[in-house]
Amino acid sequence: MAGLPDTMLAAYLTELGGPERIRIGPLPVPVPGPTDVLVRTELAVNHVDTFVRSGGLTHRSRS
C-alpha cells in the first residue's frame, strides 16, 4: 500500500514462557485484504496476553 513502511516495530513471541521470551524487533507490516482495515496501534496489552504467553491456552483434541 502506498505511504506505508515495509516494517513495523513489534513485541512478539517465538515460544511460550515468561516475559524473558518476549522479543522486540521489526516485523513486516500486514497487508489488509479487500474487506480488512489496517489500524495503527501504539500499544495494546491485556491480562489474556499473560495467560496465553504462559501456555494457559493450548489446543486439545476432542475424542
N, C-alpha and C. Protein backbone atom coordinates (compact mmCIF):
# COMPACT_ATOMS: atom_id res chain seq x y z
N MET A 1 0.85 -1.18 0.00
CA MET A 1 0.00 0.00 0.00
C MET A 1 0.89 1.24 0.00
N ALA A 2 0.49 2.22 -0.72
CA ALA A 2 1.27 3.44 -0.83
C ALA A 2 1.30 4.19 0.49
N GLY A 3 2.46 4.71 0.83
CA GLY A 3 2.60 5.51 2.04
C GLY A 3 2.87 4.74 3.31
N LEU A 4 2.86 3.43 3.26
CA LEU A 4 3.13 2.62 4.45
C LEU A 4 4.57 2.13 4.44
N PRO A 5 5.20 2.05 5.62
CA PRO A 5 6.53 1.46 5.67
C PRO A 5 6.46 -0.05 5.43
N ASP A 6 7.58 -0.66 5.11
CA ASP A 6 7.62 -2.10 4.89
C ASP A 6 7.61 -2.89 6.19
N THR A 7 8.16 -2.29 7.27
CA THR A 7 8.24 -2.99 8.55
C THR A 7 7.68 -2.12 9.67
N MET A 8 7.40 -2.78 10.80
CA MET A 8 6.92 -2.10 12.00
C MET A 8 7.69 -2.66 13.18
N LEU A 9 7.80 -1.91 14.25
CA LEU A 9 8.42 -2.40 15.47
C LEU A 9 7.34 -3.11 16.27
N ALA A 10 7.62 -4.34 16.68
CA ALA A 10 6.60 -5.13 17.37
C ALA A 10 7.21 -5.94 18.50
N ALA A 11 6.39 -6.23 19.50
CA ALA A 11 6.72 -7.19 20.55
C ALA A 11 6.02 -8.48 20.17
N TYR A 12 6.77 -9.60 20.17
CA TYR A 12 6.19 -10.85 19.72
C TYR A 12 6.83 -12.02 20.44
N LEU A 13 6.21 -13.18 20.33
CA LEU A 13 6.69 -14.41 20.95
C LEU A 13 7.11 -15.40 19.88
N THR A 14 8.18 -16.13 20.13
CA THR A 14 8.56 -17.23 19.26
C THR A 14 8.35 -18.57 19.96
N GLU A 15 8.10 -18.51 21.28
CA GLU A 15 7.79 -19.70 22.06
C GLU A 15 7.11 -19.26 23.35
N LEU A 16 6.38 -20.19 23.98
CA LEU A 16 5.69 -19.88 25.23
C LEU A 16 6.68 -19.74 26.36
N GLY A 17 6.30 -19.00 27.40
CA GLY A 17 7.16 -18.84 28.56
C GLY A 17 6.90 -17.51 29.24
N GLY A 18 7.82 -17.13 30.10
CA GLY A 18 7.71 -15.89 30.85
C GLY A 18 8.08 -14.68 30.02
N PRO A 19 8.16 -13.54 30.69
CA PRO A 19 8.47 -12.29 30.00
C PRO A 19 9.82 -12.32 29.27
N GLU A 20 10.72 -13.17 29.70
CA GLU A 20 12.03 -13.27 29.03
C GLU A 20 11.91 -13.81 27.61
N ARG A 21 10.78 -14.38 27.25
CA ARG A 21 10.56 -14.91 25.89
C ARG A 21 10.06 -13.85 24.91
N ILE A 22 9.67 -12.70 25.42
CA ILE A 22 9.16 -11.63 24.55
C ILE A 22 10.33 -11.04 23.77
N ARG A 23 10.16 -10.93 22.48
CA ARG A 23 11.16 -10.33 21.60
C ARG A 23 10.61 -9.02 21.06
N ILE A 24 11.46 -8.05 20.87
CA ILE A 24 11.06 -6.78 20.28
C ILE A 24 11.94 -6.55 19.06
N GLY A 25 11.30 -6.32 17.93
CA GLY A 25 12.06 -6.11 16.71
C GLY A 25 11.14 -5.82 15.54
N PRO A 26 11.73 -5.65 14.38
CA PRO A 26 10.93 -5.34 13.20
C PRO A 26 10.21 -6.57 12.65
N LEU A 27 8.98 -6.37 12.22
CA LEU A 27 8.19 -7.39 11.54
C LEU A 27 7.56 -6.72 10.31
N PRO A 28 7.20 -7.51 9.30
CA PRO A 28 6.54 -6.92 8.13
C PRO A 28 5.18 -6.30 8.51
N VAL A 29 4.87 -5.18 7.93
CA VAL A 29 3.54 -4.57 8.12
C VAL A 29 2.53 -5.47 7.42
N PRO A 30 1.45 -5.88 8.12
CA PRO A 30 0.46 -6.74 7.48
C PRO A 30 -0.22 -6.05 6.30
N VAL A 31 -0.55 -6.81 5.30
CA VAL A 31 -1.25 -6.27 4.13
C VAL A 31 -2.73 -6.63 4.28
N PRO A 32 -3.59 -5.61 4.40
CA PRO A 32 -5.02 -5.91 4.57
C PRO A 32 -5.63 -6.46 3.29
N GLY A 33 -6.61 -7.34 3.47
CA GLY A 33 -7.36 -7.87 2.34
C GLY A 33 -8.41 -6.87 1.89
N PRO A 34 -9.19 -7.22 0.89
CA PRO A 34 -10.18 -6.28 0.32
C PRO A 34 -11.28 -5.87 1.31
N THR A 35 -11.53 -6.69 2.33
CA THR A 35 -12.57 -6.33 3.31
C THR A 35 -11.99 -6.03 4.68
N ASP A 36 -10.67 -5.83 4.76
CA ASP A 36 -9.98 -5.56 6.03
C ASP A 36 -9.64 -4.08 6.17
N VAL A 37 -9.36 -3.69 7.40
CA VAL A 37 -8.90 -2.33 7.70
C VAL A 37 -7.60 -2.46 8.48
N LEU A 38 -6.59 -1.70 8.10
CA LEU A 38 -5.32 -1.68 8.80
C LEU A 38 -5.33 -0.51 9.77
N VAL A 39 -5.16 -0.78 11.07
CA VAL A 39 -5.22 0.25 12.10
C VAL A 39 -3.86 0.37 12.76
N ARG A 40 -3.35 1.58 12.88
CA ARG A 40 -2.08 1.79 13.58
C ARG A 40 -2.37 1.81 15.08
N THR A 41 -1.65 0.97 15.81
CA THR A 41 -1.81 0.86 17.26
C THR A 41 -0.49 1.18 17.92
N GLU A 42 -0.51 2.03 18.93
CA GLU A 42 0.71 2.39 19.65
C GLU A 42 1.05 1.34 20.71
N LEU A 43 0.05 0.82 21.42
CA LEU A 43 0.28 -0.16 22.48
C LEU A 43 -1.03 -0.86 22.80
N ALA A 44 -0.98 -2.17 22.93
CA ALA A 44 -2.15 -2.93 23.33
C ALA A 44 -1.69 -4.14 24.14
N VAL A 45 -2.07 -4.19 25.41
CA VAL A 45 -1.72 -5.30 26.30
C VAL A 45 -2.92 -5.55 27.20
N ASN A 46 -3.22 -6.81 27.46
CA ASN A 46 -4.28 -7.13 28.40
C ASN A 46 -3.92 -8.39 29.18
N HIS A 47 -4.72 -8.73 30.17
CA HIS A 47 -4.41 -9.87 31.04
C HIS A 47 -4.41 -11.20 30.29
N VAL A 48 -5.11 -11.29 29.18
CA VAL A 48 -5.13 -12.52 28.40
C VAL A 48 -3.75 -12.78 27.78
N ASP A 49 -3.01 -11.71 27.45
CA ASP A 49 -1.67 -11.87 26.89
C ASP A 49 -0.78 -12.69 27.82
N THR A 50 -0.81 -12.38 29.12
CA THR A 50 0.00 -13.12 30.09
C THR A 50 -0.46 -14.57 30.18
N PHE A 51 -1.76 -14.81 30.16
CA PHE A 51 -2.32 -16.15 30.23
C PHE A 51 -1.88 -17.00 29.04
N VAL A 52 -1.99 -16.44 27.85
CA VAL A 52 -1.62 -17.17 26.63
C VAL A 52 -0.12 -17.41 26.58
N ARG A 53 0.66 -16.37 26.91
CA ARG A 53 2.12 -16.47 26.87
C ARG A 53 2.62 -17.60 27.78
N SER A 54 1.98 -17.78 28.92
CA SER A 54 2.42 -18.79 29.87
C SER A 54 1.94 -20.19 29.51
N GLY A 55 1.22 -20.33 28.40
CA GLY A 55 0.76 -21.65 27.96
C GLY A 55 -0.61 -22.00 28.48
N GLY A 56 -1.34 -21.03 29.00
CA GLY A 56 -2.66 -21.28 29.55
C GLY A 56 -3.72 -21.61 28.52
N LEU A 57 -3.43 -21.38 27.27
CA LEU A 57 -4.37 -21.67 26.20
C LEU A 57 -3.70 -22.65 25.25
N THR A 58 -4.09 -23.89 25.32
CA THR A 58 -3.50 -24.91 24.46
C THR A 58 -4.59 -25.63 23.70
N HIS A 59 -4.23 -26.18 22.55
CA HIS A 59 -5.18 -26.93 21.74
C HIS A 59 -5.35 -28.32 22.32
N ARG A 60 -6.56 -28.73 22.50
CA ARG A 60 -6.87 -30.09 22.98
C ARG A 60 -7.80 -30.74 21.98
N SER A 61 -7.43 -31.92 21.52
CA SER A 61 -8.29 -32.61 20.56
C SER A 61 -9.48 -33.22 21.29
N ARG A 62 -10.60 -33.29 20.58
CA ARG A 62 -11.80 -33.88 21.16
C ARG A 62 -11.88 -35.34 20.77
N SER A 63 -12.29 -36.17 21.71
CA SER A 63 -12.42 -37.60 21.42
C SER A 63 -13.80 -37.94 20.98
